[in-house]
Amino acid sequence: MAIQYFWRHPLAEQVREEGRIQERQEMTLRVLEWRGIPVSDAVREQVLACTDFDQLEVWGQRAVHATNAAELFADE
């Protein structure tokens, strides 16, 4: 019976959250790359170091309209 409820366990939630964060990090970088915008090592490192889902959401939206990768971090 305990296995049925594992998805409610805090550890399971932590794993899901980490997956969501990693997915958002990768998508932000992919959008820039798909658009032909060069991504420096410094930008890549900053995006991959971020664990704030809301901040990654903002950067992901900016990646859609940015003309260069540095624009992700505007107003910070």
N, C-alpha and C. Protein backbone atom coordinates (compact mmCIF):
# COMPACT_ATOMS: atom_id res chain seq x y z
N MET A 1 0.81 -1.21 0.00
CA MET A 1 0.00 0.00 0.00
C MET A 1 0.85 1.27 0.00
N ALA A 2 1.99 1.28 0.68
CA ALA A 2 2.82 2.48 0.78
C ALA A 2 3.34 2.90 -0.59
N ILE A 3 3.58 1.97 -1.46
CA ILE A 3 4.08 2.29 -2.79
C ILE A 3 3.07 3.12 -3.57
N GLN A 4 1.80 2.88 -3.39
CA GLN A 4 0.77 3.63 -4.10
C GLN A 4 0.82 5.11 -3.76
N TYR A 5 1.33 5.44 -2.60
CA TYR A 5 1.32 6.82 -2.14
C TYR A 5 2.69 7.49 -2.22
N PHE A 6 3.65 6.81 -2.84
CA PHE A 6 4.98 7.37 -2.94
C PHE A 6 4.96 8.73 -3.64
N TRP A 7 4.12 8.90 -4.64
CA TRP A 7 4.08 10.15 -5.39
C TRP A 7 3.74 11.34 -4.50
N ARG A 8 3.16 11.08 -3.33
CA ARG A 8 2.84 12.16 -2.38
C ARG A 8 4.00 12.45 -1.42
N HIS A 9 4.97 11.59 -1.41
CA HIS A 9 6.10 11.72 -0.48
C HIS A 9 6.91 12.97 -0.84
N PRO A 10 7.44 13.69 0.16
CA PRO A 10 8.26 14.89 -0.12
C PRO A 10 9.43 14.62 -1.06
N LEU A 11 10.04 13.45 -0.95
CA LEU A 11 11.15 13.12 -1.83
C LEU A 11 10.68 13.05 -3.28
N ALA A 12 9.52 12.47 -3.51
CA ALA A 12 8.98 12.38 -4.86
C ALA A 12 8.69 13.78 -5.41
N GLU A 13 8.17 14.64 -4.57
CA GLU A 13 7.90 16.02 -5.00
C GLU A 13 9.20 16.74 -5.32
N GLN A 14 10.23 16.51 -4.54
CA GLN A 14 11.52 17.14 -4.79
C GLN A 14 12.09 16.68 -6.13
N VAL A 15 11.98 15.40 -6.43
CA VAL A 15 12.46 14.87 -7.69
C VAL A 15 11.70 15.48 -8.86
N ARG A 16 10.38 15.60 -8.72
CA ARG A 16 9.57 16.22 -9.78
C ARG A 16 9.96 17.68 -9.99
N GLU A 17 10.17 18.41 -8.90
CA GLU A 17 10.54 19.82 -8.98
C GLU A 17 11.90 19.99 -9.65
N GLU A 18 12.86 19.14 -9.28
CA GLU A 18 14.18 19.21 -9.90
C GLU A 18 14.07 18.93 -11.40
N GLY A 19 13.21 18.00 -11.78
CA GLY A 19 13.00 17.70 -13.19
C GLY A 19 12.39 18.88 -13.94
N ARG A 20 11.44 19.55 -13.31
CA ARG A 20 10.81 20.73 -13.93
C ARG A 20 11.83 21.84 -14.12
N ILE A 21 12.69 22.03 -13.14
CA ILE A 21 13.71 23.08 -13.22
C ILE A 21 14.70 22.75 -14.34
N GLN A 22 15.17 21.52 -14.38
CA GLN A 22 16.11 21.13 -15.42
C GLN A 22 15.49 21.27 -16.81
N GLU A 23 14.24 20.89 -16.93
CA GLU A 23 13.54 21.03 -18.21
C GLU A 23 13.47 22.49 -18.64
N ARG A 24 13.17 23.38 -17.71
CA ARG A 24 13.06 24.81 -18.02
C ARG A 24 14.43 25.39 -18.38
N GLN A 25 15.47 24.98 -17.67
CA GLN A 25 16.82 25.44 -18.00
C GLN A 25 17.17 25.06 -19.44
N GLU A 26 16.97 23.79 -19.76
CA GLU A 26 17.33 23.29 -21.08
C GLU A 26 16.49 23.95 -22.17
N MET A 27 15.21 24.17 -21.91
CA MET A 27 14.34 24.78 -22.92
C MET A 27 14.77 26.23 -23.19
N THR A 28 15.13 26.96 -22.16
CA THR A 28 15.57 28.34 -22.35
C THR A 28 16.79 28.38 -23.27
N LEU A 29 17.74 27.52 -23.01
CA LEU A 29 18.94 27.47 -23.85
C LEU A 29 18.62 26.99 -25.26
N ARG A 30 17.74 26.02 -25.38
CA ARG A 30 17.37 25.52 -26.71
C ARG A 30 16.68 26.58 -27.56
N VAL A 31 15.81 27.37 -26.95
CA VAL A 31 15.12 28.42 -27.70
C VAL A 31 16.14 29.38 -28.31
N LEU A 32 17.11 29.79 -27.51
CA LEU A 32 18.15 30.67 -28.04
C LEU A 32 18.90 30.00 -29.19
N GLU A 33 19.27 28.76 -29.00
CA GLU A 33 20.01 28.04 -30.04
C GLU A 33 19.17 27.86 -31.30
N TRP A 34 17.90 27.52 -31.16
CA TRP A 34 17.01 27.35 -32.31
C TRP A 34 16.88 28.65 -33.10
N ARG A 35 16.93 29.75 -32.37
CA ARG A 35 16.79 31.05 -33.02
C ARG A 35 18.11 31.54 -33.59
N GLY A 36 19.18 30.75 -33.44
CA GLY A 36 20.47 31.12 -33.99
C GLY A 36 21.23 32.13 -33.17
N ILE A 37 20.86 32.25 -31.90
CA ILE A 37 21.52 33.21 -31.01
C ILE A 37 22.65 32.49 -30.28
N PRO A 38 23.87 32.96 -30.42
CA PRO A 38 25.00 32.32 -29.74
C PRO A 38 24.83 32.36 -28.22
N VAL A 39 25.16 31.26 -27.58
CA VAL A 39 25.06 31.16 -26.12
C VAL A 39 26.48 30.96 -25.58
N SER A 40 26.97 31.96 -24.88
CA SER A 40 28.32 31.87 -24.31
C SER A 40 28.32 30.89 -23.13
N ASP A 41 29.50 30.48 -22.76
CA ASP A 41 29.64 29.60 -21.59
C ASP A 41 29.10 30.28 -20.34
N ALA A 42 29.33 31.59 -20.22
CA ALA A 42 28.87 32.32 -19.04
C ALA A 42 27.34 32.33 -18.95
N VAL A 43 26.68 32.54 -20.08
CA VAL A 43 25.21 32.53 -20.11
C VAL A 43 24.71 31.13 -19.78
N ARG A 44 25.29 30.13 -20.42
CA ARG A 44 24.89 28.73 -20.17
C ARG A 44 25.04 28.39 -18.69
N GLU A 45 26.16 28.77 -18.10
CA GLU A 45 26.41 28.49 -16.68
C GLU A 45 25.40 29.19 -15.79
N GLN A 46 25.06 30.43 -16.10
CA GLN A 46 24.10 31.17 -15.28
C GLN A 46 22.72 30.53 -15.34
N VAL A 47 22.30 30.15 -16.54
CA VAL A 47 20.99 29.51 -16.69
C VAL A 47 20.98 28.16 -15.96
N LEU A 48 22.00 27.37 -16.14
CA LEU A 48 22.05 26.04 -15.52
C LEU A 48 22.22 26.10 -14.01
N ALA A 49 22.74 27.20 -13.49
CA ALA A 49 22.91 27.35 -12.04
C ALA A 49 21.63 27.81 -11.35
N CYS A 50 20.71 28.36 -12.12
CA CYS A 50 19.48 28.90 -11.55
C CYS A 50 18.53 27.76 -11.16
N THR A 51 18.01 27.81 -9.94
CA THR A 51 17.04 26.81 -9.48
C THR A 51 15.70 27.45 -9.12
N ASP A 52 15.54 28.71 -9.48
CA ASP A 52 14.29 29.44 -9.23
C ASP A 52 13.39 29.27 -10.46
N PHE A 53 12.34 28.47 -10.31
CA PHE A 53 11.47 28.16 -11.45
C PHE A 53 10.86 29.43 -12.04
N ASP A 54 10.43 30.35 -11.20
CA ASP A 54 9.83 31.59 -11.70
C ASP A 54 10.81 32.41 -12.52
N GLN A 55 12.06 32.48 -12.06
CA GLN A 55 13.08 33.22 -12.81
C GLN A 55 13.34 32.54 -14.15
N LEU A 56 13.40 31.22 -14.14
CA LEU A 56 13.61 30.48 -15.39
C LEU A 56 12.45 30.70 -16.36
N GLU A 57 11.26 30.84 -15.83
CA GLU A 57 10.09 31.12 -16.67
C GLU A 57 10.25 32.48 -17.36
N VAL A 58 10.70 33.48 -16.60
CA VAL A 58 10.94 34.81 -17.17
C VAL A 58 12.01 34.74 -18.26
N TRP A 59 13.11 34.07 -17.96
CA TRP A 59 14.18 33.95 -18.96
C TRP A 59 13.71 33.19 -20.19
N GLY A 60 12.89 32.17 -20.01
CA GLY A 60 12.36 31.42 -21.14
C GLY A 60 11.50 32.30 -22.04
N GLN A 61 10.69 33.16 -21.45
CA GLN A 61 9.87 34.08 -22.23
C GLN A 61 10.75 35.10 -22.96
N ARG A 62 11.77 35.58 -22.28
CA ARG A 62 12.68 36.54 -22.91
C ARG A 62 13.44 35.91 -24.07
N ALA A 63 13.76 34.63 -23.96
CA ALA A 63 14.51 33.93 -25.01
C ALA A 63 13.76 33.95 -26.33
N VAL A 64 12.45 33.98 -26.27
CA VAL A 64 11.62 33.98 -27.48
C VAL A 64 11.80 35.27 -28.28
N HIS A 65 12.05 36.38 -27.59
CA HIS A 65 12.12 37.69 -28.25
C HIS A 65 13.52 38.31 -28.26
N ALA A 66 14.46 37.71 -27.56
CA ALA A 66 15.79 38.30 -27.42
C ALA A 66 16.53 38.37 -28.75
N THR A 67 17.37 39.37 -28.88
CA THR A 67 18.24 39.47 -30.05
C THR A 67 19.65 39.00 -29.72
N ASN A 68 19.94 38.88 -28.41
CA ASN A 68 21.20 38.29 -27.96
C ASN A 68 20.96 37.67 -26.59
N ALA A 69 21.83 36.74 -26.23
CA ALA A 69 21.62 35.97 -25.01
C ALA A 69 21.68 36.83 -23.74
N ALA A 70 22.43 37.90 -23.76
CA ALA A 70 22.53 38.76 -22.58
C ALA A 70 21.19 39.40 -22.20
N GLU A 71 20.30 39.53 -23.17
CA GLU A 71 18.98 40.12 -22.89
C GLU A 71 18.15 39.29 -21.90
N LEU A 72 18.51 38.03 -21.72
CA LEU A 72 17.80 37.22 -20.72
C LEU A 72 17.87 37.87 -19.35
N PHE A 73 19.01 38.47 -19.06
CA PHE A 73 19.29 38.97 -17.73
C PHE A 73 19.04 40.47 -17.58
N ALA A 74 18.36 41.08 -18.51
CA ALA A 74 18.05 42.52 -18.45
C ALA A 74 17.23 42.81 -17.19
N ASP A 75 17.41 43.98 -16.64
CA ASP A 75 16.67 44.42 -15.46
C ASP A 75 16.98 43.62 -14.22
N GLU A 76 18.17 43.05 -14.14
CA GLU A 76 18.53 42.29 -12.93
C GLU A 76 19.63 42.98 -12.19
